[in-house]
Protein backbone atom coordinates (compact mmCIF):
# COMPACT_ATOMS: atom_id res chain seq x y z
CA MET A 1 18.66 4.33 -21.19
CA ARG A 2 14.88 4.69 -21.74
CA SER A 3 13.06 7.53 -20.17
CA PRO A 4 10.84 6.87 -17.10
CA ALA A 5 7.80 7.61 -19.20
CA SER A 6 8.68 4.92 -21.85
CA GLN A 7 9.48 2.47 -19.04
CA LEU A 8 6.00 3.10 -17.51
CA ASP A 9 4.32 2.58 -20.96
CA SER A 10 6.24 -0.62 -21.51
CA ARG A 11 5.30 -1.90 -17.98
CA ARG A 12 1.63 -1.12 -18.55
CA ARG A 13 1.54 -3.06 -21.83
CA ARG A 14 3.15 -6.10 -20.20
CA ARG A 15 0.74 -6.37 -17.30
CA LYS A 16 -2.19 -8.76 -17.60
CA ILE A 17 -3.12 -9.77 -14.12
CA ARG A 18 -6.51 -11.38 -13.43
CA ALA A 19 -8.35 -9.62 -10.59
CA VAL A 20 -10.27 -11.48 -7.96
CA PRO A 21 -13.67 -9.87 -7.26
CA ALA A 22 -13.30 -7.71 -4.12
CA ASP A 23 -14.56 -4.42 -2.87
CA LEU A 24 -11.34 -2.52 -2.92
CA VAL A 25 -11.32 1.21 -2.14
CA LEU A 26 -8.49 3.53 -2.98
CA ALA A 27 -8.60 6.19 -0.31
CA SER A 28 -6.88 8.84 -2.40
CA ALA A 29 -7.86 11.67 -4.68
CA SER A 30 -4.55 11.33 -6.61
CA PRO A 31 -5.15 10.67 -10.29
CA ARG A 32 -1.62 9.28 -10.53
CA ARG A 33 -2.33 6.59 -7.92
CA ARG A 34 -5.59 5.83 -9.61
CA GLU A 35 -3.86 5.30 -13.00
CA LEU A 36 -1.13 3.26 -11.47
CA LEU A 37 -3.49 0.96 -9.64
CA ARG A 38 -5.36 0.36 -12.83
CA TRP A 39 -2.19 -1.01 -14.41
CA LEU A 40 -2.36 -3.92 -11.99
CA GLY A 41 -5.70 -5.05 -13.46
CA VAL A 42 -7.47 -4.82 -10.15
CA GLN A 43 -11.04 -3.46 -9.86
CA PHE A 44 -11.51 -0.69 -7.34
CA ARG A 45 -13.39 2.43 -6.55
CA VAL A 46 -12.13 5.74 -5.22
CA ASP A 47 -13.23 7.34 -2.02
CA ALA A 48 -10.79 10.05 -1.07
CA VAL A 49 -10.24 10.87 2.64
CA ASP A 50 -9.23 14.13 4.26
CA VAL A 51 -6.76 13.81 7.15
CA ASP A 52 -4.37 16.18 8.89
CA GLU A 53 -1.07 15.70 6.96
CA ARG A 54 1.02 18.04 9.07
CA PRO A 55 4.25 16.46 10.28
CA ARG A 56 4.88 16.03 13.97
CA ALA A 57 7.88 17.77 15.59
CA GLY A 58 11.03 15.89 14.83
CA GLU A 59 9.24 13.33 12.63
CA ALA A 60 11.34 11.88 9.81
CA ALA A 61 9.96 11.66 6.28
CA ASP A 62 9.65 7.87 6.28
CA ALA A 63 7.85 7.92 9.68
CA ILE A 64 5.44 10.59 8.31
CA VAL A 65 4.42 8.59 5.20
CA HIS A 66 4.09 5.42 7.28
CA ARG A 67 1.80 7.08 9.87
CA LEU A 68 -0.23 8.96 7.28
CA ALA A 69 -0.84 5.87 5.06
CA ARG A 70 -2.18 4.00 8.13
CA THR A 71 -4.25 6.99 9.16
CA LYS A 72 -5.76 7.38 5.73
CA ALA A 73 -6.51 3.62 5.59
CA GLU A 74 -8.30 3.92 8.91
CA ALA A 75 -10.25 6.93 7.70
CA GLY A 76 -11.17 5.12 4.60
CA ALA A 77 -12.42 2.08 6.66
CA ALA A 78 -14.68 4.34 8.63
CA ARG A 79 -16.24 5.63 5.38
CA ALA A 80 -16.51 2.20 3.72
CA PRO A 81 -16.82 -0.49 6.44
CA GLY A 82 -16.51 -4.03 5.17
CA SER A 83 -14.27 -3.02 2.32
CA TRP A 84 -10.68 -3.49 1.47
CA ILE A 85 -8.91 -0.13 1.86
CA LEU A 86 -5.68 0.92 0.13
CA ALA A 87 -4.06 4.23 1.17
CA ALA A 88 -0.70 5.95 0.48
CA ASP A 89 1.26 9.02 1.13
CA THR A 90 4.40 10.37 -0.64
CA LEU A 91 7.03 12.89 0.48
CA VAL A 92 10.39 14.15 -0.81
CA GLU A 93 13.41 14.47 1.56
CA LEU A 94 16.53 16.46 0.96
CA ASP A 95 19.27 16.67 3.57
CA GLY A 96 16.76 15.73 6.28
CA ALA A 97 14.26 18.43 5.20
CA VAL A 98 10.88 17.28 4.08
CA LEU A 99 9.51 18.80 0.89
CA GLY A 100 5.72 18.41 0.50
CA LYS A 101 3.55 20.16 -2.07
CA PRO A 102 4.48 23.73 -2.87
CA ARG A 103 2.38 26.45 -1.42
CA ASP A 104 2.61 28.58 -4.53
CA ARG A 105 4.78 29.23 -7.52
CA ASP A 106 7.60 30.93 -5.56
CA ASP A 107 7.69 27.91 -3.23
CA ALA A 108 7.91 25.60 -6.23
CA VAL A 109 10.77 27.69 -7.60
CA SER A 110 12.54 27.39 -4.19
CA MET A 111 12.11 23.60 -4.07
CA LEU A 112 13.38 23.04 -7.60
CA THR A 113 16.39 25.31 -7.03
CA ARG A 114 17.35 23.22 -3.91
CA LEU A 115 16.90 19.98 -5.86
CA SER A 116 18.89 21.17 -8.89
CA GLY A 117 22.04 18.97 -9.54
CA ARG A 118 21.53 16.98 -6.35
CA GLU A 119 20.17 13.64 -5.22
CA HIS A 120 17.10 13.37 -3.01
CA ARG A 121 14.92 10.55 -1.65
CA VAL A 122 11.29 9.90 -2.30
CA TYR A 123 9.32 8.00 0.34
CA THR A 124 5.94 6.39 -0.25
CA GLY A 125 4.09 4.73 2.51
CA PHE A 126 1.16 2.50 1.69
CA ALA A 127 -1.29 0.59 3.94
CA LEU A 128 -3.73 -2.17 3.00
CA ARG A 129 -6.56 -2.85 5.41
CA ASP A 130 -8.93 -5.79 5.03
CA PRO A 131 -12.80 -5.82 5.58
CA ALA A 132 -12.29 -7.04 9.19
CA ALA A 133 -10.21 -3.88 9.87
CA VAL A 134 -6.93 -5.82 10.08
CA VAL A 135 -3.87 -4.03 8.58
CA ARG A 136 -2.58 -6.67 6.07
CA ALA A 137 0.38 -4.50 4.85
CA ALA A 138 1.97 -1.29 5.88
CA ARG A 139 5.26 -0.45 4.17
CA VAL A 140 7.49 2.37 3.24
CA VAL A 141 9.38 2.23 -0.12
CA THR A 142 12.32 4.55 -0.89
CA SER A 143 13.73 5.67 -4.20
CA ARG A 144 16.68 7.88 -4.92
CA VAL A 145 16.35 10.63 -7.57
CA ARG A 146 19.11 12.82 -8.97
CA PHE A 147 18.19 16.04 -10.72
CA ARG A 148 20.29 17.46 -13.55
CA SER A 149 21.71 20.91 -13.07
CA LEU A 150 18.89 23.37 -13.90
CA GLY A 151 19.23 26.88 -15.12
CA ARG A 152 17.02 29.61 -13.65
CA ALA A 153 14.94 29.96 -16.90
CA THR A 154 14.18 26.16 -16.88
CA ILE A 155 13.15 26.24 -13.20
CA GLU A 156 10.87 29.18 -13.62
CA ALA A 157 9.34 27.86 -16.78
CA TYR A 158 8.51 24.53 -15.19
CA ALA A 159 7.23 26.17 -11.96
CA SER A 160 4.85 28.22 -14.12
CA CYS A 161 3.41 25.32 -16.13
CA GLY A 162 1.15 24.26 -13.29
CA GLU A 163 2.38 20.67 -13.16
CA PRO A 164 4.23 21.15 -9.83
CA ASP A 165 1.25 22.54 -7.96
CA ASP A 166 0.08 19.39 -6.20
CA LYS A 167 3.22 17.27 -6.35
CA ALA A 168 5.63 16.54 -3.46
CA GLY A 169 8.91 18.18 -4.25
CA ALA A 170 7.25 20.30 -6.90
CA TYR A 171 7.79 17.92 -9.86
CA ALA A 172 6.08 15.03 -11.72
CA LEU A 173 8.24 12.24 -12.99
CA GLN A 174 5.41 11.04 -15.24
CA GLY A 175 5.12 14.44 -16.94
CA ARG A 176 7.28 17.36 -18.04
CA GLY A 177 9.22 16.87 -14.78
CA ALA A 178 10.92 13.79 -16.33
CA GLY A 179 13.13 16.28 -18.25
CA LEU A 180 14.56 17.59 -14.91
CA VAL A 181 15.71 14.11 -13.81
CA ALA A 182 19.03 12.62 -14.55
CA GLU A 183 18.67 9.28 -12.71
CA VAL A 184 16.24 7.21 -10.59
CA VAL A 185 17.54 4.40 -8.41
CA GLY A 186 14.81 2.10 -7.24
CA SER A 187 11.13 2.05 -7.99
CA PHE A 188 10.13 4.81 -10.46
CA THR A 189 6.42 4.17 -9.75
CA ASN A 190 7.20 4.95 -6.17
CA VAL A 191 8.33 8.37 -7.21
CA ILE A 192 5.02 8.92 -8.93
CA GLY A 193 3.05 7.92 -5.86
CA LEU A 194 2.53 4.15 -5.67
CA PRO A 195 5.26 1.43 -5.63
CA LEU A 196 3.58 -1.06 -7.91
CA VAL A 197 5.89 -4.10 -7.24
CA GLU A 198 5.28 -3.87 -3.50
CA VAL A 199 1.63 -3.03 -3.78
CA GLU A 200 1.06 -5.98 -6.20
CA ALA A 201 2.78 -8.29 -3.75
CA ALA A 202 0.57 -7.07 -0.87
CA LEU A 203 -2.64 -7.40 -2.88
CA THR A 204 -1.68 -10.88 -4.13
CA GLU A 205 -0.73 -12.10 -0.64
CA ALA A 206 -4.09 -10.79 0.61
CA GLY A 207 -5.99 -12.51 -2.14
CA VAL A 208 -7.23 -9.38 -3.84
CA LEU A 209 -5.20 -10.25 -6.94
CA ALA A 210 -4.92 -13.80 -8.19
CA ARG A 211 -1.53 -15.45 -8.19
């Protein structure tokens, strides 16, 4: 089985999609989402938004990412009226507990220890809003990820490398974190932060990408 990184490289080489001229704004500061969206061949610009990402009491992970994606798209539309807006949010869930970005190294160690040897779910919600302020797509995509059993030294070394700092669940599938993962079921780009198959379908249906 090829590694997630090699699968991503192969997918990127295969994609040659003609973009339709459109003012598309990616309302995200994530460099991972920026790179993934480029792989679709669509032209866009980045205008990150800042919204309150705190979960509401009793709110499930899939509901959180769905709400935040729509909220970010709305905030993006307010900053760039008359543009297409694409926004997304990603969270990790383990046994009903939501794992966001680690607060510090100790929090990253705690998250990785909990994930070790177990399966968790990664949810990414995305929303596409058109220039008339109509939500053209709002979806949540789920992937299952199983970690291999990790020793304490491995966990501490990875937590100290800096890569987990701004990643939900404290790992990056597209980086050194790939070595922590035994299996991915479902979209691996979803785990990175943007489910490309579903986003491509939404952009194509909306006419932002040519068929």
